[in-house]
Structure formats: C-alpha cells, structure tokens
Amino acid sequence: MPYDKSLDVAAFREVTEFGDTRISVGVFSYNGGEKKLQISRENRNQSEEWQFVKLGRLAKEEAKAILPLITKAVEGM
C-alpha cells in the first residue's frame, strides 16, 4: 500500500529555526496506528524555499534547543 498523506495525522508539531536550517519535532499517527516521534531537518535552498534533508548529526546548540520539544512531544504520546 503506497503512502497516503491524508492518513498521516499530526498530534503535535513544533519547529525551531537556526538561520538557513530548521528542525521539526512531531508526533504522528498513520492510519489510526501507534503515535510515533519524528524529528526532521529542512534547509533553505537558493530559491529561499525549504527543502527536506537528512537529519544527520546535531550541533550542541540544536540538541539543546530541541530537547524541550522532544520532552513535550513524548508527554503527549
């Protein structure tokens, strides 16, 4: 069964920006299933549009900024 965006429900989502990159922390449930934590990164491209990229490693500043968001997300799961 292919992915259907309309079946992906966000129970929580917050975004923190760091200049030309932003990290979002969310809790999603697909097709009424178990709620799961998702952490993703987007970078601003030359056209000033946000583009999904691999999260990869976090700088200390990024990790410290999203820890409260992760805690808040997990409490709502």
Protein backbone atom coordinates (compact mmCIF):
# COMPACT_ATOMS: atom_id res chain seq x y z
CA MET A 1 0.00 0.00 0.00
CA PRO A 2 1.55 3.34 -1.01
CA TYR A 3 1.90 6.19 1.47
CA ASP A 4 -1.20 8.41 1.68
CA LYS A 5 -0.55 11.82 3.26
CA SER A 6 -4.23 12.21 4.18
CA LEU A 7 -3.90 9.23 6.59
CA ASP A 8 -0.92 10.79 8.43
CA VAL A 9 -2.30 12.74 11.42
CA ALA A 10 -0.10 15.13 13.43
CA ALA A 11 -0.87 15.10 17.16
CA PHE A 12 1.98 17.55 17.88
CA ARG A 13 4.45 19.54 15.78
CA GLU A 14 6.82 22.37 16.65
CA VAL A 15 9.63 23.87 14.59
CA THR A 16 12.84 25.60 15.68
CA GLU A 17 14.82 27.67 13.16
CA PHE A 18 18.59 28.13 13.07
CA GLY A 19 19.26 30.57 10.22
CA ASP A 20 19.10 28.59 6.97
CA THR A 21 18.08 25.35 8.65
CA ARG A 22 15.13 24.31 10.76
CA ILE A 23 14.36 21.22 12.79
CA SER A 24 10.84 20.00 13.44
CA VAL A 25 9.76 17.66 16.21
CA GLY A 26 6.41 15.98 15.79
CA VAL A 27 4.20 13.12 16.89
CA PHE A 28 2.35 11.41 14.07
CA SER A 29 -0.11 8.57 13.77
CA TYR A 30 -0.54 6.88 10.40
CA ASN A 31 -3.95 5.38 9.57
CA GLY A 32 -5.01 5.33 13.24
CA GLY A 33 -1.89 3.44 14.29
CA GLU A 34 0.54 3.96 17.15
CA LYS A 35 1.77 7.52 17.75
CA LYS A 36 5.44 7.90 16.81
CA LEU A 37 8.03 10.64 17.30
CA GLN A 38 9.51 12.18 14.16
CA ILE A 39 12.47 14.58 14.03
CA SER A 40 13.36 16.12 10.67
CA ARG A 41 15.53 18.85 9.19
CA GLU A 42 14.88 21.26 6.33
CA ASN A 43 17.39 23.60 4.72
CA ARG A 44 16.63 26.78 2.79
CA ASN A 45 17.80 26.45 -0.81
CA GLN A 46 18.98 29.22 -3.16
CA SER A 47 15.35 29.91 -4.14
CA GLU A 48 14.57 30.62 -0.46
CA GLU A 49 12.34 27.51 -0.28
CA TRP A 50 12.53 24.90 2.47
CA GLN A 51 13.80 21.51 1.32
CA PHE A 52 13.82 18.26 3.32
CA VAL A 53 17.30 16.87 4.02
CA LYS A 54 18.66 14.02 6.11
CA LEU A 55 18.71 14.99 9.79
CA GLY A 56 22.20 13.61 10.31
CA ARG A 57 24.12 14.99 13.26
CA LEU A 58 23.04 17.77 15.59
CA ALA A 59 25.19 20.64 16.81
CA LYS A 60 25.16 21.19 20.57
CA GLU A 61 23.02 24.34 20.11
CA GLU A 62 20.47 22.39 18.05
CA ALA A 63 20.32 19.49 20.50
CA LYS A 64 19.80 21.81 23.48
CA ALA A 65 17.05 23.71 21.63
CA ILE A 66 15.02 20.65 20.64
CA LEU A 67 15.32 18.68 23.90
CA PRO A 68 12.37 20.54 25.50
CA LEU A 69 10.34 19.91 22.33
CA ILE A 70 11.12 16.19 22.45
CA THR A 71 10.09 16.04 26.12
CA LYS A 72 6.85 17.89 25.35
CA ALA A 73 6.15 15.56 22.40
CA VAL A 74 6.78 12.38 24.38
CA GLU A 75 4.47 13.55 27.19
CA GLY A 76 1.65 13.79 24.64
CA MET A 77 2.15 10.32 23.22
